[in-house]
Amino acid sequence: GPTDMLGRLTGQKLAERLNARLVLENFVDNPFLEKFYHSPEEYAFRTQLFFLLERYNQMQELHQKELFQNYIVSDYIFEKDKIFAYMNLNDDELRIYDQVAGALDRHVVTPDLVVYLQSSVERLMKNIRSRNRAIEKELTEEYIDNLNEGYNYFFSRYKSTKVLIVNCEEADFVNDAGDFENLVNEIFSQD
């Protein structure tokens, strides 16, 4: 997600290693995101629906293009949008969100394997600070802690496909070749 680039950078390396098609989440084009960080209650619903529809459209494009690669690597799964929705929307908004998401969800292909790179709040906050993005200045440790708990809860109960949970607190899949090869081997041992 936008809170941590570890998954994105690892996904890019993995796609290169496997000669896979790479699908990256596009969060910078959301016109409501910066407003959401400043005023969450006012902009949460619009921000969430924009993300939901953009992710859906991106997933649909995969069906429409002829794919020559054996693999597709993405830095997100469609269903994880619900983590943010349940954190940020009120009950009335959630009812509408669930109806829209449920209708779209039936048309999205389930991945063969989900790799969840689990991290601590401290490391996530360090990554956010090191990026020094103006749009993320409003992110608090409390918000990241709640988000991290949401991710842990979601993926510990995710049943749609195989989930490989990798604790990456001590690992560096981007800069350490040994750590990266261990991850690749772990992924292929799931078959």
Protein backbone atom coordinates (compact mmCIF):
# COMPACT_ATOMS: atom_id res chain seq x y z
CA GLY A 1 0.00 0.00 0.00
CA PRO A 2 0.95 3.68 -0.05
CA THR A 3 2.25 3.43 3.51
CA ASP A 4 5.17 1.15 2.62
CA MET A 5 7.25 0.85 -0.56
CA LEU A 6 8.79 -2.47 0.50
CA GLY A 7 6.12 -4.48 -1.30
CA ARG A 8 6.39 -2.34 -4.43
CA LEU A 9 10.19 -2.55 -4.66
CA THR A 10 10.18 -6.28 -3.88
CA GLY A 11 7.46 -6.80 -6.48
CA GLN A 12 9.52 -4.97 -9.10
CA LYS A 13 12.53 -7.19 -8.37
CA LEU A 14 10.37 -10.31 -8.42
CA ALA A 15 8.77 -9.37 -11.76
CA GLU A 16 12.20 -8.78 -13.27
CA ARG A 17 13.50 -12.10 -11.94
CA LEU A 18 10.48 -14.03 -13.31
CA ASN A 19 10.06 -12.02 -16.52
CA ALA A 20 6.55 -11.32 -15.26
CA ARG A 21 4.03 -8.63 -16.09
CA LEU A 22 4.16 -6.03 -13.30
CA VAL A 23 1.00 -4.36 -12.00
CA LEU A 24 1.57 -1.53 -9.53
CA GLU A 25 -1.03 0.24 -7.44
CA ASN A 26 -1.52 3.81 -8.62
CA PHE A 27 -2.25 5.97 -5.60
CA VAL A 28 -0.72 9.29 -6.68
CA ASP A 29 -3.54 10.08 -9.14
CA ASN A 30 -6.27 9.95 -6.51
CA PRO A 31 -7.48 13.60 -6.37
CA PHE A 32 -8.95 13.11 -2.90
CA LEU A 33 -5.97 11.51 -1.15
CA GLU A 34 -4.23 14.65 0.08
CA LYS A 35 -7.57 16.09 1.20
CA PHE A 36 -8.28 12.82 3.01
CA TYR A 37 -5.03 13.07 4.99
CA HIS A 38 -6.04 16.58 6.10
CA SER A 39 -9.73 15.86 6.69
CA PRO A 40 -10.37 12.09 6.90
CA GLU A 41 -14.04 12.13 7.85
CA GLU A 42 -15.00 14.50 5.04
CA TYR A 43 -13.05 12.82 2.23
CA ALA A 44 -12.83 9.14 3.24
CA PHE A 45 -15.79 7.93 1.17
CA ARG A 46 -14.74 9.68 -2.06
CA THR A 47 -11.12 8.61 -1.59
CA GLN A 48 -12.16 5.01 -1.03
CA LEU A 49 -14.53 4.78 -4.00
CA PHE A 50 -11.91 6.32 -6.30
CA PHE A 51 -9.36 3.71 -5.21
CA LEU A 52 -11.87 0.87 -5.51
CA LEU A 53 -12.88 1.78 -9.06
CA GLU A 54 -9.32 2.48 -10.18
CA ARG A 55 -8.09 -0.87 -8.86
CA TYR A 56 -11.03 -2.60 -10.52
CA ASN A 57 -10.31 -0.94 -13.89
CA GLN A 58 -6.66 -1.91 -13.61
CA MET A 59 -7.58 -5.53 -12.92
CA GLN A 60 -9.96 -5.53 -15.91
CA GLU A 61 -7.19 -4.31 -18.23
CA LEU A 62 -5.30 -7.51 -17.47
CA HIS A 63 -8.11 -9.51 -19.12
CA GLN A 64 -8.18 -7.30 -22.20
CA LYS A 65 -4.47 -7.50 -23.04
CA GLU A 66 -2.82 -10.56 -24.51
CA LEU A 67 -0.30 -11.77 -21.97
CA PHE A 68 2.89 -13.47 -23.11
CA GLN A 69 4.44 -13.77 -19.66
CA ASN A 70 3.91 -16.84 -17.51
CA TYR A 71 3.47 -14.73 -14.37
CA ILE A 72 1.79 -11.57 -13.18
CA VAL A 73 3.23 -9.81 -10.12
CA SER A 74 1.22 -7.09 -8.40
CA ASP A 75 1.95 -5.02 -5.30
CA TYR A 76 -1.69 -5.25 -4.16
CA ILE A 77 -4.75 -7.48 -4.22
CA PHE A 78 -8.19 -6.11 -4.98
CA GLU A 79 -9.75 -7.27 -1.71
CA LYS A 80 -7.31 -5.40 0.52
CA ASP A 81 -9.20 -2.20 -0.30
CA LYS A 82 -11.64 -3.35 2.39
CA ILE A 83 -8.99 -2.88 5.08
CA PHE A 84 -8.98 0.86 4.46
CA ALA A 85 -12.74 1.02 4.00
CA TYR A 86 -13.48 -0.60 7.35
CA MET A 87 -10.95 1.68 9.04
CA ASN A 88 -12.14 4.94 7.56
CA LEU A 89 -15.85 4.77 6.62
CA ASN A 90 -18.89 5.16 8.83
CA ASP A 91 -21.70 2.57 8.87
CA ASP A 92 -23.85 4.24 6.21
CA GLU A 93 -20.88 4.68 3.88
CA LEU A 94 -19.79 1.08 4.49
CA ARG A 95 -23.18 -0.27 3.41
CA ILE A 96 -22.86 1.49 0.05
CA TYR A 97 -19.17 0.56 -0.26
CA ASP A 98 -19.90 -3.13 0.41
CA GLN A 99 -22.59 -3.20 -2.28
CA VAL A 100 -20.27 -1.68 -4.88
CA ALA A 101 -17.24 -3.75 -3.86
CA GLY A 102 -19.30 -6.95 -3.79
CA ALA A 103 -20.59 -6.36 -7.33
CA LEU A 104 -17.07 -5.66 -8.64
CA ASP A 105 -15.38 -8.44 -6.70
CA ARG A 106 -17.15 -11.14 -8.74
CA HIS A 107 -15.31 -9.97 -11.88
CA VAL A 108 -11.78 -9.92 -10.46
CA VAL A 109 -9.47 -12.91 -10.85
CA THR A 110 -8.11 -14.37 -7.61
CA PRO A 111 -4.28 -14.60 -7.50
CA ASP A 112 -2.57 -17.99 -7.21
CA LEU A 113 -0.52 -16.81 -4.23
CA VAL A 114 -0.54 -13.78 -1.93
CA VAL A 115 2.75 -12.80 -0.28
CA TYR A 116 2.18 -10.61 2.77
CA LEU A 117 5.36 -8.83 3.85
CA GLN A 118 4.72 -8.28 7.54
CA SER A 119 6.50 -5.41 9.25
CA SER A 120 6.49 -3.45 12.50
CA VAL A 121 5.00 0.00 12.96
CA GLU A 122 8.49 1.31 13.76
CA ARG A 123 9.88 0.14 10.43
CA LEU A 124 6.84 1.41 8.52
CA MET A 125 7.19 4.84 10.12
CA LYS A 126 10.91 4.88 9.35
CA ASN A 127 10.17 4.09 5.69
CA ILE A 128 7.56 6.83 5.52
CA ARG A 129 9.89 9.41 7.06
CA SER A 130 12.77 8.44 4.78
CA ARG A 131 10.56 9.03 1.71
CA ASN A 132 9.77 12.52 3.03
CA ARG A 133 6.64 12.96 0.90
CA ALA A 134 4.66 16.09 1.65
CA ILE A 135 1.37 14.24 1.14
CA GLU A 136 2.27 11.78 3.95
CA LYS A 137 3.21 14.35 6.59
CA GLU A 138 -0.23 13.92 8.20
CA LEU A 139 0.19 10.17 8.77
CA THR A 140 0.39 9.50 12.50
CA GLU A 141 1.90 6.51 14.26
CA GLU A 142 -1.57 5.72 15.64
CA TYR A 143 -3.03 5.56 12.10
CA ILE A 144 -0.18 3.33 10.88
CA ASP A 145 -0.57 1.10 13.95
CA ASN A 146 -4.30 0.68 13.25
CA LEU A 147 -3.58 0.03 9.58
CA ASN A 148 -0.92 -2.55 10.44
CA GLU A 149 -3.36 -4.31 12.77
CA GLY A 150 -5.94 -4.27 9.99
CA TYR A 151 -3.51 -5.88 7.56
CA ASN A 152 -2.49 -8.54 10.11
CA TYR A 153 -6.12 -9.35 10.90
CA PHE A 154 -7.11 -9.45 7.23
CA PHE A 155 -4.31 -11.71 6.00
CA SER A 156 -4.42 -14.06 8.99
CA ARG A 157 -8.01 -14.86 7.95
CA TYR A 158 -7.72 -14.59 4.17
CA LYS A 159 -9.07 -17.81 2.62
CA SER A 160 -9.51 -16.99 -1.08
CA THR A 161 -6.11 -18.42 -2.02
CA LYS A 162 -2.76 -19.42 -0.53
CA VAL A 163 -1.13 -16.79 1.67
CA LEU A 164 2.58 -16.71 2.45
CA ILE A 165 3.19 -14.46 5.45
CA VAL A 166 6.81 -13.29 5.55
CA ASN A 167 8.18 -11.35 8.50
CA CYS A 168 10.57 -8.89 6.90
CA GLU A 169 11.71 -7.10 10.05
CA GLU A 170 15.28 -8.33 9.68
CA ALA A 171 15.28 -9.07 5.94
CA ASP A 172 16.18 -6.78 3.05
CA PHE A 173 14.68 -8.19 -0.14
CA VAL A 174 15.62 -5.10 -2.15
CA ASN A 175 19.34 -4.81 -1.39
CA ASP A 176 20.36 -8.24 -0.07
CA ALA A 177 20.61 -10.87 -2.83
CA GLY A 178 20.59 -13.74 -0.32
CA ASP A 179 17.40 -12.53 1.37
CA PHE A 180 15.77 -12.05 -2.03
CA GLU A 181 16.68 -15.56 -3.24
CA ASN A 182 15.33 -17.00 0.01
CA LEU A 183 12.04 -15.23 -0.70
CA VAL A 184 11.94 -16.55 -4.28
CA ASN A 185 12.61 -20.08 -3.05
CA GLU A 186 9.90 -19.73 -0.40
CA ILE A 187 7.40 -18.57 -3.03
CA PHE A 188 8.11 -21.50 -5.35
CA SER A 189 7.97 -23.99 -2.49
CA GLN A 190 4.26 -23.07 -2.11
CA ASP A 191 3.29 -24.91 -5.35
